Amino acid sequence: EFIGKEALVEQKTNGVSKRVIGIELSDRAIPRHGYKILHEGEEVGEVTTGYHTISTDKSVCMALVDARYAKLGTELEVQIRKKTFHGVVVKKRFYDKHYKK
């Protein structure tokens, strides 16, 4: 879902700053739009889009989270249906330059 400038301004005025991050999951589960992002059981954001990359053979997603959890290397969980899957904040460039078909 697209977040317009008005929504970003509103989030900042409410004292909550959010950032778009990339998350790489350690499992093959595919996160989808709207799934919760958790940190130590607390909801800190939600998935905006997710998929399985061909070039790296990993499940990844983009998510909108509280800025406190946006640092590279931060460990988060993605709630997919009734299970949670371990993930790590990574750069939003989800491909391997050396990918060969």
PDB file of N, CA and C in Angstrom:
ATOM      1  N   GLU A   1       0.850  -1.170   0.000  1.00  0.00           N
ATOM      2  CA  GLU A   1       0.000   0.000   0.000  1.00  0.00           C
ATOM      3  C   GLU A   1       0.897   1.234   0.000  1.00  0.00           C
ATOM      4  N   PHE A   2       0.567   2.187  -0.819  1.00  0.00           N
ATOM      5  CA  PHE A   2       1.354   3.419  -0.928  1.00  0.00           C
ATOM      6  C   PHE A   2       1.048   4.324   0.258  1.00  0.00           C
ATOM      7  N   ILE A   3       2.075   4.891   0.840  1.00  0.00           N
ATOM      8  CA  ILE A   3       1.897   5.838   1.941  1.00  0.00           C
ATOM      9  C   ILE A   3       2.237   7.224   1.419  1.00  0.00           C
ATOM     10  N   GLY A   4       1.253   8.088   1.386  1.00  0.00           N
ATOM     11  CA  GLY A   4       1.450   9.426   0.865  1.00  0.00           C
ATOM     12  C   GLY A   4       2.173  10.330   1.836  1.00  0.00           C
ATOM     13  N   LYS A   5       2.521  11.516   1.363  1.00  0.00           N
ATOM     14  CA  LYS A   5       3.239  12.484   2.193  1.00  0.00           C
ATOM     15  C   LYS A   5       2.445  12.849   3.437  1.00  0.00           C
ATOM     16  N   GLU A   6       1.116  12.906   3.313  1.00  0.00           N
ATOM     17  CA  GLU A   6       0.279  13.281   4.451  1.00  0.00           C
ATOM     18  C   GLU A   6       0.435  12.271   5.581  1.00  0.00           C
ATOM     19  N   ALA A   7       0.481  10.972   5.242  1.00  0.00           N
ATOM     20  CA  ALA A   7       0.605   9.935   6.261  1.00  0.00           C
ATOM     21  C   ALA A   7       1.955  10.029   6.955  1.00  0.00           C
ATOM     22  N   LEU A   8       3.021  10.289   6.205  1.00  0.00           N
ATOM     23  CA  LEU A   8       4.343  10.400   6.813  1.00  0.00           C
ATOM     24  C   LEU A   8       4.416  11.597   7.754  1.00  0.00           C
ATOM     25  N   VAL A   9       3.814  12.716   7.354  1.00  0.00           N
ATOM     26  CA  VAL A   9       3.798  13.904   8.211  1.00  0.00           C
ATOM     27  C   VAL A   9       3.010  13.607   9.475  1.00  0.00           C
ATOM     28  N   GLU A  10       1.884  12.935   9.350  1.00  0.00           N
ATOM     29  CA  GLU A  10       1.055  12.602  10.511  1.00  0.00           C
ATOM     30  C   GLU A  10       1.822  11.704  11.469  1.00  0.00           C
ATOM     31  N   GLN A  11       2.559  10.726  10.951  1.00  0.00           N
ATOM     32  CA  GLN A  11       3.328   9.834  11.818  1.00  0.00           C
ATOM     33  C   GLN A  11       4.381  10.600  12.599  1.00  0.00           C
ATOM     34  N   LYS A  12       5.007  11.566  11.969  1.00  0.00           N
ATOM     35  CA  LYS A  12       6.031  12.346  12.664  1.00  0.00           C
ATOM     36  C   LYS A  12       5.408  13.258  13.708  1.00  0.00           C
ATOM     37  N   THR A  13       4.245  13.835  13.437  1.00  0.00           N
ATOM     38  CA  THR A  13       3.617  14.739  14.396  1.00  0.00           C
ATOM     39  C   THR A  13       3.075  13.977  15.594  1.00  0.00           C
ATOM     40  N   ASN A  14       2.780  12.699  15.440  1.00  0.00           N
ATOM     41  CA  ASN A  14       2.314  11.897  16.567  1.00  0.00           C
ATOM     42  C   ASN A  14       3.480  11.380  17.402  1.00  0.00           C
ATOM     43  N   GLY A  15       4.697  11.786  17.069  1.00  0.00           N
ATOM     44  CA  GLY A  15       5.859  11.367  17.832  1.00  0.00           C
ATOM     45  C   GLY A  15       6.405  10.016  17.430  1.00  0.00           C
ATOM     46  N   VAL A  16       5.854   9.430  16.358  1.00  0.00           N
ATOM     47  CA  VAL A  16       6.310   8.123  15.896  1.00  0.00           C
ATOM     48  C   VAL A  16       6.930   8.292  14.523  1.00  0.00           C
ATOM     49  N   SER A  17       8.190   7.934  14.429  1.00  0.00           N
ATOM     50  CA  SER A  17       8.868   8.009  13.144  1.00  0.00           C
ATOM     51  C   SER A  17       8.980   6.597  12.581  1.00  0.00           C
ATOM     52  N   LYS A  18       8.573   6.411  11.327  1.00  0.00           N
ATOM     53  CA  LYS A  18       8.608   5.086  10.695  1.00  0.00           C
ATOM     54  C   LYS A  18       9.526   5.118   9.489  1.00  0.00           C
ATOM     55  N   ARG A  19      10.129   3.969   9.196  1.00  0.00           N
ATOM     56  CA  ARG A  19      11.030   3.857   8.054  1.00  0.00           C
ATOM     57  C   ARG A  19      10.732   2.594   7.279  1.00  0.00           C
ATOM     58  N   VAL A  20      10.987   2.641   5.984  1.00  0.00           N
ATOM     59  CA  VAL A  20      10.864   1.461   5.145  1.00  0.00           C
ATOM     60  C   VAL A  20      12.201   0.730   5.178  1.00  0.00           C
ATOM     61  N   ILE A  21      12.139  -0.564   5.477  1.00  0.00           N
ATOM     62  CA  ILE A  21      13.359  -1.376   5.585  1.00  0.00           C
ATOM     63  C   ILE A  21      13.218  -2.649   4.747  1.00  0.00           C
ATOM     64  N   GLY A  22      14.329  -3.321   4.565  1.00  0.00           N
ATOM     65  CA  GLY A  22      14.329  -4.637   3.939  1.00  0.00           C
ATOM     66  C   GLY A  22      14.610  -5.673   5.008  1.00  0.00           C
ATOM     67  N   ILE A  23      13.914  -6.812   4.934  1.00  0.00           N
ATOM     68  CA  ILE A  23      14.129  -7.902   5.884  1.00  0.00           C
ATOM     69  C   ILE A  23      14.373  -9.184   5.094  1.00  0.00           C
ATOM     70  N   GLU A  24      15.394  -9.926   5.505  1.00  0.00           N
ATOM     71  CA  GLU A  24      15.694 -11.221   4.906  1.00  0.00           C
ATOM     72  C   GLU A  24      15.337 -12.283   5.935  1.00  0.00           C
ATOM     73  N   LEU A  25      14.493 -13.240   5.549  1.00  0.00           N
ATOM     74  CA  LEU A  25      14.080 -14.290   6.464  1.00  0.00           C
ATOM     75  C   LEU A  25      15.019 -15.480   6.385  1.00  0.00           C
ATOM     76  N   SER A  26      15.149 -16.196   7.500  1.00  0.00           N
ATOM     77  CA  SER A  26      16.013 -17.372   7.534  1.00  0.00           C
ATOM     78  C   SER A  26      15.262 -18.609   7.057  1.00  0.00           C
ATOM     79  N   ASP A  27      13.973 -18.481   6.783  1.00  0.00           N
ATOM     80  CA  ASP A  27      13.135 -19.594   6.354  1.00  0.00           C
ATOM     81  C   ASP A  27      12.584 -19.309   4.958  1.00  0.00           C
ATOM     82  N   ARG A  28      11.970 -20.300   4.334  1.00  0.00           N
ATOM     83  CA  ARG A  28      11.429 -20.123   2.985  1.00  0.00           C
ATOM     84  C   ARG A  28      10.007 -19.552   2.978  1.00  0.00           C
ATOM     85  N   ALA A  29       9.440 -19.279   4.130  1.00  0.00           N
ATOM     86  CA  ALA A  29       8.092 -18.707   4.203  1.00  0.00           C
ATOM     87  C   ALA A  29       8.077 -17.351   3.516  1.00  0.00           C
ATOM     88  N   ILE A  30       6.972 -17.047   2.822  1.00  0.00           N
ATOM     89  CA  ILE A  30       6.885 -15.790   2.086  1.00  0.00           C
ATOM     90  C   ILE A  30       5.966 -14.807   2.815  1.00  0.00           C
ATOM     91  N   PRO A  31       6.530 -13.690   3.282  1.00  0.00           N
ATOM     92  CA  PRO A  31       5.704 -12.680   3.955  1.00  0.00           C
ATOM     93  C   PRO A  31       4.851 -11.923   2.936  1.00  0.00           C
ATOM     94  N   ARG A  32       3.652 -11.579   3.321  1.00  0.00           N
ATOM     95  CA  ARG A  32       2.731 -10.845   2.444  1.00  0.00           C
ATOM     96  C   ARG A  32       2.323  -9.522   3.084  1.00  0.00           C
ATOM     97  N   HIS A  33       1.763  -8.658   2.263  1.00  0.00           N
ATOM     98  CA  HIS A  33       1.300  -7.336   2.699  1.00  0.00           C
ATOM     99  C   HIS A  33       0.402  -7.456   3.929  1.00  0.00           C
ATOM    100  N   GLY A  34       0.698  -6.639   4.941  1.00  0.00           N
ATOM    101  CA  GLY A  34      -0.141  -6.588   6.132  1.00  0.00           C
ATOM    102  C   GLY A  34       0.306  -7.476   7.265  1.00  0.00           C
ATOM    103  N   TYR A  35       1.214  -8.422   7.026  1.00  0.00           N
ATOM    104  CA  TYR A  35       1.696  -9.280   8.107  1.00  0.00           C
ATOM    105  C   TYR A  35       2.476  -8.435   9.114  1.00  0.00           C
ATOM    106  N   LYS A  36       2.403  -8.811  10.375  1.00  0.00           N
ATOM    107  CA  LYS A  36       3.029  -8.043  11.457  1.00  0.00           C
ATOM    108  C   LYS A  36       4.535  -8.285  11.545  1.00  0.00           C
ATOM    109  N   ILE A  37       5.257  -7.218  11.894  1.00  0.00           N
ATOM    110  CA  ILE A  37       6.683  -7.300  12.200  1.00  0.00           C
ATOM    111  C   ILE A  37       6.796  -7.147  13.718  1.00  0.00           C
ATOM    112  N   LEU A  38       7.506  -8.076  14.352  1.00  0.00           N
ATOM    113  CA  LEU A  38       7.623  -8.094  15.802  1.00  0.00           C
ATOM    114  C   LEU A  38       9.077  -7.969  16.242  1.00  0.00           C
ATOM    115  N   HIS A  39       9.268  -7.387  17.422  1.00  0.00           N
ATOM    116  CA  HIS A  39      10.576  -7.358  18.077  1.00  0.00           C
ATOM    117  C   HIS A  39      10.339  -7.744  19.525  1.00  0.00           C
ATOM    118  N   GLU A  40      10.867  -8.912  19.915  1.00  0.00           N
ATOM    119  CA  GLU A  40      10.672  -9.447  21.261  1.00  0.00           C
ATOM    120  C   GLU A  40       9.200  -9.499  21.638  1.00  0.00           C
ATOM    121  N   GLY A  41       8.363  -9.937  20.694  1.00  0.00           N
ATOM    122  CA  GLY A  41       6.934 -10.106  20.933  1.00  0.00           C
ATOM    123  C   GLY A  41       6.091  -8.862  20.791  1.00  0.00           C
ATOM    124  N   GLU A  42       6.720  -7.701  20.631  1.00  0.00           N
ATOM    125  CA  GLU A  42       5.995  -6.435  20.491  1.00  0.00           C
ATOM    126  C   GLU A  42       5.864  -6.074  19.014  1.00  0.00           C
ATOM    127  N   GLU A  43       4.665  -5.677  18.593  1.00  0.00           N
ATOM    128  CA  GLU A  43       4.464  -5.286  17.192  1.00  0.00           C
ATOM    129  C   GLU A  43       5.145  -3.941  16.936  1.00  0.00           C
ATOM    130  N   VAL A  44       6.040  -3.915  15.920  1.00  0.00           N
ATOM    131  CA  VAL A  44       6.789  -2.693  15.626  1.00  0.00           C
ATOM    132  C   VAL A  44       6.575  -2.210  14.190  1.00  0.00           C
ATOM    133  N   GLY A  45       5.789  -2.950  13.395  1.00  0.00           N
ATOM    134  CA  GLY A  45       5.546  -2.537  12.028  1.00  0.00           C
ATOM    135  C   GLY A  45       4.778  -3.582  11.254  1.00  0.00           C
ATOM    136  N   GLU A  46       4.728  -3.397   9.919  1.00  0.00           N
ATOM    137  CA  GLU A  46       4.042  -4.380   9.079  1.00  0.00           C
ATOM    138  C   GLU A  46       4.690  -4.476   7.713  1.00  0.00           C
ATOM    139  N   VAL A  47       4.504  -5.627   7.101  1.00  0.00           N
ATOM    140  CA  VAL A  47       5.054  -5.904   5.776  1.00  0.00           C
ATOM    141  C   VAL A  47       4.298  -5.088   4.736  1.00  0.00           C
ATOM    142  N   THR A  48       5.036  -4.470   3.812  1.00  0.00           N
ATOM    143  CA  THR A  48       4.400  -3.771   2.698  1.00  0.00           C
ATOM    144  C   THR A  48       4.385  -4.653   1.453  1.00  0.00           C
ATOM    145  N   THR A  49       5.441  -5.449   1.258  1.00  0.00           N
ATOM    146  CA  THR A  49       5.495  -6.400   0.154  1.00  0.00           C
ATOM    147  C   THR A  49       6.538  -7.464   0.461  1.00  0.00           C
ATOM    148  N   GLY A  50       6.319  -8.669  -0.038  1.00  0.00           N
ATOM    149  CA  GLY A  50       7.274  -9.737   0.214  1.00  0.00           C
ATOM    150  C   GLY A  50       7.277 -10.746  -0.916  1.00  0.00           C
ATOM    151  N   TYR A  51       8.391 -11.432  -1.075  1.00  0.00           N
ATOM    152  CA  TYR A  51       8.525 -12.423  -2.146  1.00  0.00           C
ATOM    153  C   TYR A  51       9.749 -13.295  -1.921  1.00  0.00           C
ATOM    154  N   HIS A  52       9.918 -14.312  -2.761  1.00  0.00           N
ATOM    155  CA  HIS A  52      11.092 -15.191  -2.732  1.00  0.00           C
ATOM    156  C   HIS A  52      11.971 -14.795  -3.909  1.00  0.00           C
ATOM    157  N   THR A  53      13.229 -14.416  -3.640  1.00  0.00           N
ATOM    158  CA  THR A  53      14.102 -13.971  -4.727  1.00  0.00           C
ATOM    159  C   THR A  53      14.731 -15.163  -5.435  1.00  0.00           C
ATOM    160  N   ILE A  54      14.832 -15.051  -6.727  1.00  0.00           N
ATOM    161  CA  ILE A  54      15.442 -16.110  -7.527  1.00  0.00           C
ATOM    162  C   ILE A  54      16.956 -16.033  -7.436  1.00  0.00           C
ATOM    163  N   SER A  55      17.500 -14.816  -7.477  1.00  0.00           N
ATOM    164  CA  SER A  55      18.958 -14.665  -7.526  1.00  0.00           C
ATOM    165  C   SER A  55      19.660 -15.086  -6.241  1.00  0.00           C
ATOM    166  N   THR A  56      18.998 -14.919  -5.090  1.00  0.00           N
ATOM    167  CA  THR A  56      19.633 -15.297  -3.821  1.00  0.00           C
ATOM    168  C   THR A  56      18.970 -16.506  -3.172  1.00  0.00           C
ATOM    169  N   ASP A  57      17.841 -16.959  -3.717  1.00  0.00           N
ATOM    170  CA  ASP A  57      17.081 -18.094  -3.192  1.00  0.00           C
ATOM    171  C   ASP A  57      16.700 -17.883  -1.722  1.00  0.00           C
ATOM    172  N   LYS A  58      16.247 -16.664  -1.410  1.00  0.00           N
ATOM    173  CA  LYS A  58      15.841 -16.336  -0.041  1.00  0.00           C
ATOM    174  C   LYS A  58      14.497 -15.616  -0.049  1.00  0.00           C
ATOM    175  N   SER A  59      13.796 -15.711   1.081  1.00  0.00           N
ATOM    176  CA  SER A  59      12.556 -14.958   1.254  1.00  0.00           C
ATOM    177  C   SER A  59      12.901 -13.599   1.836  1.00  0.00           C
ATOM    178  N   VAL A  60      12.337 -12.550   1.232  1.00  0.00           N
ATOM    179  CA  VAL A  60      12.616 -11.184   1.659  1.00  0.00           C
ATOM    180  C   VAL A  60      11.321 -10.381   1.683  1.00  0.00           C
ATOM    181  N   CYS A  61      11.362  -9.240   2.363  1.00  0.00           N
ATOM    182  CA  CYS A  61      10.201  -8.358   2.346  1.00  0.00           C
ATOM    183  C   CYS A  61      10.644  -6.931   2.618  1.00  0.00           C
ATOM    184  N   MET A  62       9.788  -6.020   2.247  1.00  0.00           N
ATOM    185  CA  MET A  62       9.920  -4.621   2.597  1.00  0.00           C
ATOM    186  C   MET A  62       8.884  -4.401   3.697  1.00  0.00           C
ATOM    187  N   ALA A  63       9.234  -3.572   4.668  1.00  0.00           N
ATOM    188  CA  ALA A  63       8.322  -3.341   5.777  1.00  0.00           C
ATOM    189  C   ALA A  63       8.431  -1.911   6.263  1.00  0.00           C
ATOM    190  N   LEU A  64       7.354  -1.422   6.816  1.00  0.00           N
ATOM    191  CA  LEU A  64       7.316  -0.097   7.428  1.00  0.00           C
ATOM    192  C   LEU A  64       7.353  -0.332   8.943  1.00  0.00           C
ATOM    193  N   VAL A  65       8.456   0.084   9.582  1.00  0.00           N
ATOM    194  CA  VAL A  65       8.638  -0.174  11.023  1.00  0.00           C
ATOM    195  C   VAL A  65       9.016   1.095  11.765  1.00  0.00           C
ATOM    196  N   ASP A  66       8.884   1.039  13.083  1.00  0.00           N
ATOM    197  CA  ASP A  66       9.364   2.137  13.924  1.00  0.00           C
ATOM    198  C   ASP A  66      10.847   2.335  13.640  1.00  0.00           C
ATOM    199  N   ALA A  67      11.273   3.574  13.538  1.00  0.00           N
ATOM    200  CA  ALA A  67      12.653   3.912  13.175  1.00  0.00           C
ATOM    201  C   ALA A  67      13.683   3.286  14.122  1.00  0.00           C
ATOM    202  N   ARG A  68      13.309   3.024  15.358  1.00  0.00           N
ATOM    203  CA  ARG A  68      14.234   2.418  16.325  1.00  0.00           C
ATOM    204  C   ARG A  68      14.735   1.048  15.872  1.00  0.00           C
ATOM    205  N   TYR A  69      13.958   0.379  15.009  1.00  0.00           N
ATOM    206  CA  TYR A  69      14.290  -0.990  14.590  1.00  0.00           C
ATOM    207  C   TYR A  69      14.773  -1.057  13.144  1.00  0.00           C
ATOM    208  N   ALA A  70      15.156   0.069  12.573  1.00  0.00           N
ATOM    209  CA  ALA A  70      15.521   0.127  11.155  1.00  0.00           C
ATOM    210  C   ALA A  70      17.016  -0.068  10.892  1.00  0.00           C
ATOM    211  N   LYS A  71      17.826  -0.210  11.914  1.00  0.00           N
ATOM    212  CA  LYS A  71      19.274  -0.336  11.733  1.00  0.00           C
ATOM    213  C   LYS A  71      19.635  -1.686  11.110  1.00  0.00           C
ATOM    214  N   LEU A  72      20.576  -1.671  10.162  1.00  0.00           N
ATOM    215  CA  LEU A  72      21.031  -2.906   9.527  1.00  0.00           C
ATOM    216  C   LEU A  72      21.506  -3.894  10.582  1.00  0.00           C
ATOM    217  N   GLY A  73      21.120  -5.157  10.421  1.00  0.00           N
ATOM    218  CA  GLY A  73      21.529  -6.197  11.358  1.00  0.00           C
ATOM    219  C   GLY A  73      20.567  -6.432  12.509  1.00  0.00           C
ATOM    220  N   THR A  74      19.561  -5.566  12.667  1.00  0.00           N
ATOM    221  CA  THR A  74      18.577  -5.731  13.733  1.00  0.00           C
ATOM    222  C   THR A  74      17.776  -7.006  13.502  1.00  0.00           C
ATOM    223  N   GLU A  75      17.638  -7.808  14.546  1.00  0.00           N
ATOM    224  CA  GLU A  75      16.871  -9.047  14.435  1.00  0.00           C
ATOM    225  C   GLU A  75      15.406  -8.771  14.740  1.00  0.00           C
ATOM    226  N   LEU A  76      14.537  -9.212  13.834  1.00  0.00           N
ATOM    227  CA  LEU A  76      13.097  -9.039  13.965  1.00  0.00           C
ATOM    228  C   LEU A  76      12.415 -10.364  13.666  1.00  0.00           C
ATOM    229  N   GLU A  77      11.119 -10.439  13.943  1.00  0.00           N
ATOM    230  CA  GLU A  77      10.332 -11.603  13.563  1.00  0.00           C
ATOM    231  C   GLU A  77       9.195 -11.141  12.670  1.00  0.00           C
ATOM    232  N   VAL A  78       8.818 -12.005  11.724  1.00  0.00           N
ATOM    233  CA  VAL A  78       7.683 -11.733  10.853  1.00  0.00           C
ATOM    234  C   VAL A  78       6.614 -12.763  11.189  1.00  0.00           C
ATOM    235  N   GLN A  79       5.426 -12.278  11.529  1.00  0.00           N
ATOM    236  CA  GLN A  79       4.336 -13.187  11.853  1.00  0.00           C
ATOM    237  C   GLN A  79       3.605 -13.552  10.565  1.00  0.00           C
ATOM    238  N   ILE A  80       3.698 -14.813  10.193  1.00  0.00           N
ATOM    239  CA  ILE A  80       3.035 -15.305   8.986  1.00  0.00           C
ATOM    240  C   ILE A  80       1.991 -16.314   9.441  1.00  0.00           C
ATOM    241  N   ARG A  81       0.748 -15.929   9.304  1.00  0.00           N
ATOM    242  CA  ARG A  81      -0.387 -16.672   9.842  1.00  0.00           C
ATOM    243  C   ARG A  81      -0.194 -16.849  11.344  1.00  0.00           C
ATOM    244  N   LYS A  82      -0.089 -18.086  11.846  1.00  0.00           N
ATOM    245  CA  LYS A  82       0.018 -18.287  13.296  1.00  0.00           C
ATOM    246  C   LYS A  82       1.449 -18.536  13.757  1.00  0.00           C
ATOM    247  N   LYS A  83       2.423 -18.479  12.846  1.00  0.00           N
ATOM    248  CA  LYS A  83       3.821 -18.726  13.204  1.00  0.00           C
ATOM    249  C   LYS A  83       4.637 -17.449  13.071  1.00  0.00           C
ATOM    250  N   THR A  84       5.763 -17.405  13.772  1.00  0.00           N
ATOM    251  CA  THR A  84       6.690 -16.289  13.598  1.00  0.00           C
ATOM    252  C   THR A  84       7.996 -16.835  13.031  1.00  0.00           C
ATOM    253  N   PHE A  85       8.600 -16.066  12.130  1.00  0.00           N
ATOM    254  CA  PHE A  85       9.833 -16.456  11.460  1.00  0.00           C
ATOM    255  C   PHE A  85      10.907 -15.401  11.708  1.00  0.00           C
ATOM    256  N   HIS A  86      12.102 -15.876  11.988  1.00  0.00           N
ATOM    257  CA  HIS A  86      13.234 -15.001  12.280  1.00  0.00           C
ATOM    258  C   HIS A  86      13.682 -14.275  11.012  1.00  0.00           C
ATOM    259  N   GLY A  87      14.005 -12.993  11.161  1.00  0.00           N
ATOM    260  CA  GLY A  87      14.512 -12.203  10.044  1.00  0.00           C
ATOM    261  C   GLY A  87      15.528 -11.178  10.519  1.00  0.00           C
ATOM    262  N   VAL A  88      16.274 -10.639   9.568  1.00  0.00           N
ATOM    263  CA  VAL A  88      17.300  -9.649   9.868  1.00  0.00           C
ATOM    264  C   VAL A  88      17.132  -8.461   8.927  1.00  0.00           C
ATOM    265  N   VAL A  89      17.295  -7.245   9.449  1.00  0.00           N
ATOM    266  CA  VAL A  89      17.226  -6.046   8.617  1.00  0.00           C
ATOM    267  C   VAL A  89      18.460  -6.021   7.709  1.00  0.00           C
ATOM    268  N   VAL A  90      18.210  -5.884   6.397  1.00  0.00           N
ATOM    269  CA  VAL A  90      19.286  -5.858   5.402  1.00  0.00           C
ATOM    270  C   VAL A  90      19.055  -4.686   4.452  1.00  0.00           C
ATOM    271  N   LYS A  91      20.017  -4.450   3.571  1.00  0.00           N
ATOM    272  CA  LYS A  91      19.837  -3.422   2.546  1.00  0.00           C
ATOM    273  C   LYS A  91      18.675  -3.820   1.655  1.00  0.00           C
ATOM    274  N   LYS A  92      18.020  -2.835   1.080  1.00  0.00           N
ATOM    275  CA  LYS A  92      16.831  -3.097   0.274  1.00  0.00           C
ATOM    276  C   LYS A  92      17.160  -3.564  -1.146  1.00  0.00           C
ATOM    277  N   ARG A  93      18.393  -3.880  -1.408  1.00  0.00           N
ATOM    278  CA  ARG A  93      18.799  -4.363  -2.726  1.00  0.00           C
ATOM    279  C   ARG A  93      18.853  -5.882  -2.661  1.00  0.00           C
ATOM    280  N   PHE A  94      17.746  -6.543  -3.050  1.00  0.00           N
ATOM    281  CA  PHE A  94      17.593  -7.986  -2.876  1.00  0.00           C
ATOM    282  C   PHE A  94      18.051  -8.791  -4.079  1.00  0.00           C
ATOM    283  N   TYR A  95      19.265  -8.611  -4.505  1.00  0.00           N
ATOM    284  CA  TYR A  95      19.733  -9.444  -5.608  1.00  0.00           C
ATOM    285  C   TYR A  95      21.224  -9.656  -5.511  1.00  0.00           C
ATOM    286  N   ASP A  96      21.691 -10.653  -6.230  1.00  0.00           N
ATOM    287  CA  ASP A  96      23.118 -10.974  -6.273  1.00  0.00           C
ATOM    288  C   ASP A  96      23.628 -10.612  -7.662  1.00  0.00           C
ATOM    289  N   LYS A  97      24.588  -9.724  -7.737  1.00  0.00           N
ATOM    290  CA  LYS A  97      25.115  -9.284  -9.045  1.00  0.00           C
ATOM    291  C   LYS A  97      25.709 -10.437  -9.846  1.00  0.00           C
ATOM    292  N   HIS A  98      26.115 -11.490  -9.173  1.00  0.00           N
ATOM    293  CA  HIS A  98      26.791 -12.595  -9.836  1.00  0.00           C
ATOM    294  C   HIS A  98      25.844 -13.734 -10.180  1.00  0.00           C
ATOM    295  N   TYR A  99      24.544 -13.452 -10.196  1.00  0.00           N
ATOM    296  CA  TYR A  99      23.538 -14.462 -10.505  1.00  0.00           C
ATOM    297  C   TYR A  99      23.680 -14.951 -11.924  1.00  0.00           C
ATOM    298  N   LYS A 100      23.681 -16.271 -12.097  1.00  0.00           N
ATOM    299  CA  LYS A 100      23.750 -16.881 -13.442  1.00  0.00           C
ATOM    300  C   LYS A 100      22.568 -17.823 -13.601  1.00  0.00           C
ATOM    301  N   LYS A 101      21.929 -17.759 -14.762  1.00  0.00           N
ATOM    302  CA  LYS A 101      20.773 -18.618 -15.032  1.00  0.00           C
ATOM    303  C   LYS A 101      21.187 -20.048 -15.238  1.00  0.00           C
TER     304      LYS A 101
END
